[in-house]
Amino acid sequence: MILRLLDQAENDLVEGFRFYEAQQPGLGAYFLDNLYGDIESLHLYAGIHRKVWKRYHRLLSARFPFAVFYTVAGNEVFVHAIIDCRRNPAWVRNQLRCR
């Protein structure tokens, strides 16, 4: 599988990094390490996660309350969003609708 992390998903990671780094120095780096590890797992497990809205699969992070929303097309995985699960579900759907 080929992983494609779209620009908006990268922006989500930067936003999460900034939030956790503001909580405690070094926590932002730990956040990124964990989320990138979760994303890398899609090389093996892409497509097995439940579709939660239209065409989007959702991978829940192992360590942080974040979800990775992705689609699969052929042998490519497109990561569209990495969103905090504590957000209002209507807000999450709106974000996915725009991506």
N, C-alpha and C. Protein backbone atom coordinates (compact mmCIF):
# COMPACT_ATOMS: atom_id res chain seq x y z
N MET A 1 0.83 -1.19 0.00
CA MET A 1 0.00 0.00 0.00
C MET A 1 0.88 1.26 0.00
N ILE A 2 0.44 2.23 -0.73
CA ILE A 2 1.11 3.53 -0.78
C ILE A 2 0.28 4.49 0.07
N LEU A 3 0.93 5.13 1.06
CA LEU A 3 0.25 6.09 1.93
C LEU A 3 0.43 7.50 1.41
N ARG A 4 -0.65 8.23 1.36
CA ARG A 4 -0.61 9.63 0.96
C ARG A 4 -1.25 10.45 2.09
N LEU A 5 -0.44 11.23 2.75
CA LEU A 5 -0.92 12.10 3.80
C LEU A 5 -1.23 13.46 3.17
N LEU A 6 -2.50 13.78 3.06
CA LEU A 6 -2.91 15.01 2.39
C LEU A 6 -2.58 16.23 3.25
N ASP A 7 -2.47 17.39 2.60
CA ASP A 7 -2.06 18.62 3.28
C ASP A 7 -2.93 18.95 4.49
N GLN A 8 -4.23 18.77 4.36
CA GLN A 8 -5.12 19.10 5.46
C GLN A 8 -4.87 18.19 6.66
N ALA A 9 -4.54 16.93 6.40
CA ALA A 9 -4.23 16.00 7.50
C ALA A 9 -2.92 16.41 8.17
N GLU A 10 -1.95 16.85 7.38
CA GLU A 10 -0.69 17.34 7.97
C GLU A 10 -0.96 18.56 8.85
N ASN A 11 -1.84 19.43 8.40
CA ASN A 11 -2.20 20.60 9.22
C ASN A 11 -2.85 20.17 10.53
N ASP A 12 -3.67 19.11 10.48
CA ASP A 12 -4.29 18.58 11.69
C ASP A 12 -3.22 18.10 12.67
N LEU A 13 -2.18 17.44 12.15
CA LEU A 13 -1.09 16.96 13.00
C LEU A 13 -0.34 18.12 13.64
N VAL A 14 -0.09 19.17 12.87
CA VAL A 14 0.60 20.34 13.42
C VAL A 14 -0.23 20.98 14.52
N GLU A 15 -1.52 21.06 14.30
CA GLU A 15 -2.42 21.64 15.30
C GLU A 15 -2.40 20.80 16.59
N GLY A 16 -2.46 19.47 16.44
CA GLY A 16 -2.38 18.59 17.60
C GLY A 16 -1.05 18.70 18.32
N PHE A 17 0.03 18.78 17.55
CA PHE A 17 1.36 18.96 18.13
C PHE A 17 1.41 20.21 18.98
N ARG A 18 0.93 21.31 18.44
CA ARG A 18 0.97 22.59 19.17
C ARG A 18 0.16 22.52 20.47
N PHE A 19 -1.01 21.88 20.38
CA PHE A 19 -1.86 21.76 21.57
C PHE A 19 -1.13 20.99 22.67
N TYR A 20 -0.59 19.81 22.33
CA TYR A 20 0.05 18.98 23.35
C TYR A 20 1.37 19.56 23.82
N GLU A 21 2.09 20.23 22.94
CA GLU A 21 3.36 20.85 23.34
C GLU A 21 3.10 21.98 24.33
N ALA A 22 1.97 22.67 24.17
CA ALA A 22 1.61 23.74 25.11
C ALA A 22 1.24 23.17 26.48
N GLN A 23 0.75 21.93 26.51
CA GLN A 23 0.40 21.29 27.77
C GLN A 23 1.64 20.93 28.58
N GLN A 24 2.64 20.38 27.85
CA GLN A 24 3.89 19.97 28.50
C GLN A 24 4.97 19.83 27.43
N PRO A 25 6.11 20.47 27.61
CA PRO A 25 7.17 20.34 26.61
C PRO A 25 7.56 18.87 26.39
N GLY A 26 7.65 18.49 25.13
CA GLY A 26 7.99 17.12 24.76
C GLY A 26 6.78 16.26 24.47
N LEU A 27 5.62 16.65 24.98
CA LEU A 27 4.40 15.87 24.75
C LEU A 27 3.96 15.96 23.29
N GLY A 28 4.24 17.09 22.65
CA GLY A 28 3.90 17.24 21.23
C GLY A 28 4.67 16.25 20.37
N ALA A 29 5.95 16.06 20.66
CA ALA A 29 6.76 15.09 19.91
C ALA A 29 6.25 13.68 20.15
N TYR A 30 5.87 13.38 21.39
CA TYR A 30 5.31 12.06 21.71
C TYR A 30 4.01 11.84 20.93
N PHE A 31 3.19 12.88 20.86
CA PHE A 31 1.95 12.82 20.08
C PHE A 31 2.25 12.48 18.62
N LEU A 32 3.19 13.20 18.01
CA LEU A 32 3.52 12.95 16.60
C LEU A 32 4.05 11.54 16.39
N ASP A 33 4.94 11.08 17.28
CA ASP A 33 5.48 9.72 17.16
C ASP A 33 4.37 8.69 17.16
N ASN A 34 3.42 8.85 18.06
CA ASN A 34 2.32 7.89 18.16
C ASN A 34 1.39 7.96 16.96
N LEU A 35 1.04 9.16 16.53
CA LEU A 35 0.12 9.28 15.40
C LEU A 35 0.76 8.79 14.11
N TYR A 36 2.04 9.09 13.90
CA TYR A 36 2.72 8.58 12.71
C TYR A 36 2.80 7.05 12.75
N GLY A 37 2.98 6.49 13.93
CA GLY A 37 2.96 5.04 14.07
C GLY A 37 1.60 4.45 13.71
N ASP A 38 0.55 5.11 14.17
CA ASP A 38 -0.80 4.66 13.82
C ASP A 38 -1.02 4.73 12.32
N ILE A 39 -0.57 5.82 11.71
CA ILE A 39 -0.74 6.00 10.27
C ILE A 39 0.06 4.94 9.50
N GLU A 40 1.27 4.66 9.96
CA GLU A 40 2.10 3.63 9.30
C GLU A 40 1.44 2.26 9.35
N SER A 41 0.65 2.00 10.37
CA SER A 41 -0.03 0.70 10.47
C SER A 41 -1.00 0.48 9.31
N LEU A 42 -1.36 1.56 8.63
CA LEU A 42 -2.27 1.43 7.48
C LEU A 42 -1.62 0.68 6.33
N HIS A 43 -0.28 0.59 6.31
CA HIS A 43 0.38 -0.23 5.29
C HIS A 43 -0.15 -1.67 5.34
N LEU A 44 -0.43 -2.14 6.55
CA LEU A 44 -0.92 -3.52 6.72
C LEU A 44 -2.43 -3.61 6.86
N TYR A 45 -3.03 -2.63 7.51
CA TYR A 45 -4.42 -2.77 7.92
C TYR A 45 -5.41 -1.84 7.22
N ALA A 46 -4.99 -1.18 6.16
CA ALA A 46 -5.90 -0.26 5.46
C ALA A 46 -7.13 -1.00 4.95
N GLY A 47 -8.26 -0.40 5.20
CA GLY A 47 -9.52 -0.95 4.72
C GLY A 47 -10.26 -1.82 5.71
N ILE A 48 -9.61 -2.23 6.81
CA ILE A 48 -10.30 -3.10 7.76
C ILE A 48 -11.11 -2.32 8.79
N HIS A 49 -10.84 -1.02 8.88
CA HIS A 49 -11.54 -0.20 9.86
C HIS A 49 -12.93 0.16 9.35
N ARG A 50 -13.81 0.34 10.27
CA ARG A 50 -15.20 0.62 9.96
C ARG A 50 -15.34 1.93 9.19
N LYS A 51 -16.24 1.93 8.23
CA LYS A 51 -16.59 3.18 7.55
C LYS A 51 -17.59 3.90 8.44
N VAL A 52 -17.24 5.13 8.81
CA VAL A 52 -18.08 5.86 9.75
C VAL A 52 -18.93 6.93 9.10
N TRP A 53 -18.49 7.40 7.96
CA TRP A 53 -19.27 8.41 7.25
C TRP A 53 -18.91 8.35 5.78
N LYS A 54 -19.91 8.08 4.98
CA LYS A 54 -19.74 7.95 3.53
C LYS A 54 -18.57 7.03 3.21
N ARG A 55 -17.54 7.54 2.57
CA ARG A 55 -16.44 6.67 2.12
C ARG A 55 -15.27 6.61 3.09
N TYR A 56 -15.37 7.29 4.22
CA TYR A 56 -14.25 7.42 5.14
C TYR A 56 -14.18 6.27 6.15
N HIS A 57 -13.00 5.64 6.21
CA HIS A 57 -12.70 4.68 7.26
C HIS A 57 -12.13 5.47 8.43
N ARG A 58 -12.29 4.92 9.65
CA ARG A 58 -11.77 5.61 10.83
C ARG A 58 -10.86 4.67 11.62
N LEU A 59 -9.61 5.10 11.78
CA LEU A 59 -8.63 4.41 12.62
C LEU A 59 -8.50 5.21 13.90
N LEU A 60 -8.78 4.57 15.03
CA LEU A 60 -8.63 5.26 16.31
C LEU A 60 -7.20 5.12 16.80
N SER A 61 -6.62 6.22 17.26
CA SER A 61 -5.26 6.22 17.77
C SER A 61 -5.18 5.37 19.03
N ALA A 62 -4.06 4.71 19.21
CA ALA A 62 -3.87 3.85 20.37
C ALA A 62 -3.65 4.64 21.65
N ARG A 63 -3.03 5.81 21.59
CA ARG A 63 -2.63 6.54 22.79
C ARG A 63 -3.33 7.88 23.01
N PHE A 64 -3.83 8.46 21.98
CA PHE A 64 -4.42 9.79 22.09
C PHE A 64 -5.87 9.74 21.59
N PRO A 65 -6.72 10.67 22.05
CA PRO A 65 -8.13 10.66 21.63
C PRO A 65 -8.31 11.27 20.24
N PHE A 66 -7.62 10.71 19.26
CA PHE A 66 -7.67 11.19 17.89
C PHE A 66 -8.06 10.05 16.96
N ALA A 67 -8.68 10.42 15.86
CA ALA A 67 -9.06 9.46 14.83
C ALA A 67 -8.44 9.88 13.51
N VAL A 68 -7.99 8.88 12.76
CA VAL A 68 -7.43 9.09 11.43
C VAL A 68 -8.51 8.69 10.44
N PHE A 69 -8.94 9.62 9.62
CA PHE A 69 -9.97 9.36 8.61
C PHE A 69 -9.27 9.21 7.26
N TYR A 70 -9.53 8.08 6.62
CA TYR A 70 -8.83 7.78 5.38
C TYR A 70 -9.76 7.07 4.38
N THR A 71 -9.33 7.08 3.12
CA THR A 71 -10.01 6.34 2.07
C THR A 71 -8.99 5.44 1.38
N VAL A 72 -9.50 4.42 0.73
CA VAL A 72 -8.66 3.48 -0.01
C VAL A 72 -9.11 3.49 -1.46
N ALA A 73 -8.14 3.63 -2.37
CA ALA A 73 -8.42 3.57 -3.81
C ALA A 73 -7.32 2.72 -4.44
N GLY A 74 -7.68 1.52 -4.84
CA GLY A 74 -6.69 0.61 -5.41
C GLY A 74 -5.65 0.25 -4.36
N ASN A 75 -4.39 0.51 -4.66
CA ASN A 75 -3.34 0.21 -3.69
C ASN A 75 -2.84 1.48 -2.97
N GLU A 76 -3.66 2.53 -2.98
CA GLU A 76 -3.31 3.78 -2.32
C GLU A 76 -4.25 4.07 -1.16
N VAL A 77 -3.68 4.59 -0.09
CA VAL A 77 -4.44 5.02 1.07
C VAL A 77 -4.26 6.53 1.19
N PHE A 78 -5.36 7.24 1.25
CA PHE A 78 -5.34 8.69 1.36
C PHE A 78 -5.82 9.09 2.75
N VAL A 79 -4.93 9.69 3.53
CA VAL A 79 -5.30 10.18 4.86
C VAL A 79 -5.81 11.60 4.68
N HIS A 80 -7.10 11.78 4.97
CA HIS A 80 -7.77 13.06 4.75
C HIS A 80 -7.79 13.95 5.98
N ALA A 81 -7.92 13.34 7.16
CA ALA A 81 -8.09 14.14 8.37
C ALA A 81 -7.60 13.36 9.58
N ILE A 82 -7.10 14.10 10.55
CA ILE A 82 -6.72 13.54 11.85
C ILE A 82 -7.36 14.45 12.87
N ILE A 83 -8.45 13.97 13.49
CA ILE A 83 -9.33 14.84 14.25
C ILE A 83 -9.47 14.34 15.68
N ASP A 84 -9.52 15.28 16.60
CA ASP A 84 -9.73 15.01 18.02
C ASP A 84 -11.13 14.43 18.20
N CYS A 85 -11.22 13.27 18.82
CA CYS A 85 -12.51 12.59 19.01
C CYS A 85 -13.41 13.28 20.03
N ARG A 86 -12.87 14.26 20.74
CA ARG A 86 -13.69 14.98 21.72
C ARG A 86 -14.51 16.08 21.06
N ARG A 87 -14.36 16.27 19.77
CA ARG A 87 -15.13 17.27 19.03
C ARG A 87 -16.56 16.81 18.85
N ASN A 88 -17.44 17.76 18.62
CA ASN A 88 -18.83 17.48 18.32
C ASN A 88 -18.91 16.67 17.04
N PRO A 89 -19.65 15.54 17.03
CA PRO A 89 -19.74 14.72 15.82
C PRO A 89 -20.24 15.49 14.59
N ALA A 90 -21.11 16.45 14.78
CA ALA A 90 -21.59 17.26 13.65
C ALA A 90 -20.44 18.08 13.07
N TRP A 91 -19.57 18.59 13.93
CA TRP A 91 -18.40 19.34 13.47
C TRP A 91 -17.47 18.44 12.68
N VAL A 92 -17.28 17.21 13.16
CA VAL A 92 -16.41 16.25 12.47
C VAL A 92 -16.96 15.95 11.08
N ARG A 93 -18.27 15.67 10.99
CA ARG A 93 -18.88 15.39 9.68
C ARG A 93 -18.72 16.58 8.73
N ASN A 94 -18.87 17.79 9.26
CA ASN A 94 -18.71 18.98 8.43
C ASN A 94 -17.28 19.08 7.91
N GLN A 95 -16.30 18.77 8.76
CA GLN A 95 -14.90 18.78 8.32
C GLN A 95 -14.66 17.76 7.21
N LEU A 96 -15.22 16.57 7.38
CA LEU A 96 -15.06 15.53 6.37
C LEU A 96 -15.76 15.90 5.07
N ARG A 97 -16.88 16.55 5.18
CA ARG A 97 -17.64 16.96 3.99
C ARG A 97 -16.82 17.95 3.16
N CYS A 98 -16.03 18.79 3.84
CA CYS A 98 -15.23 19.80 3.16
C CYS A 98 -13.93 19.27 2.58
N ARG A 99 -13.57 18.04 2.89
CA ARG A 99 -12.27 17.52 2.46
C ARG A 99 -12.39 16.56 1.33
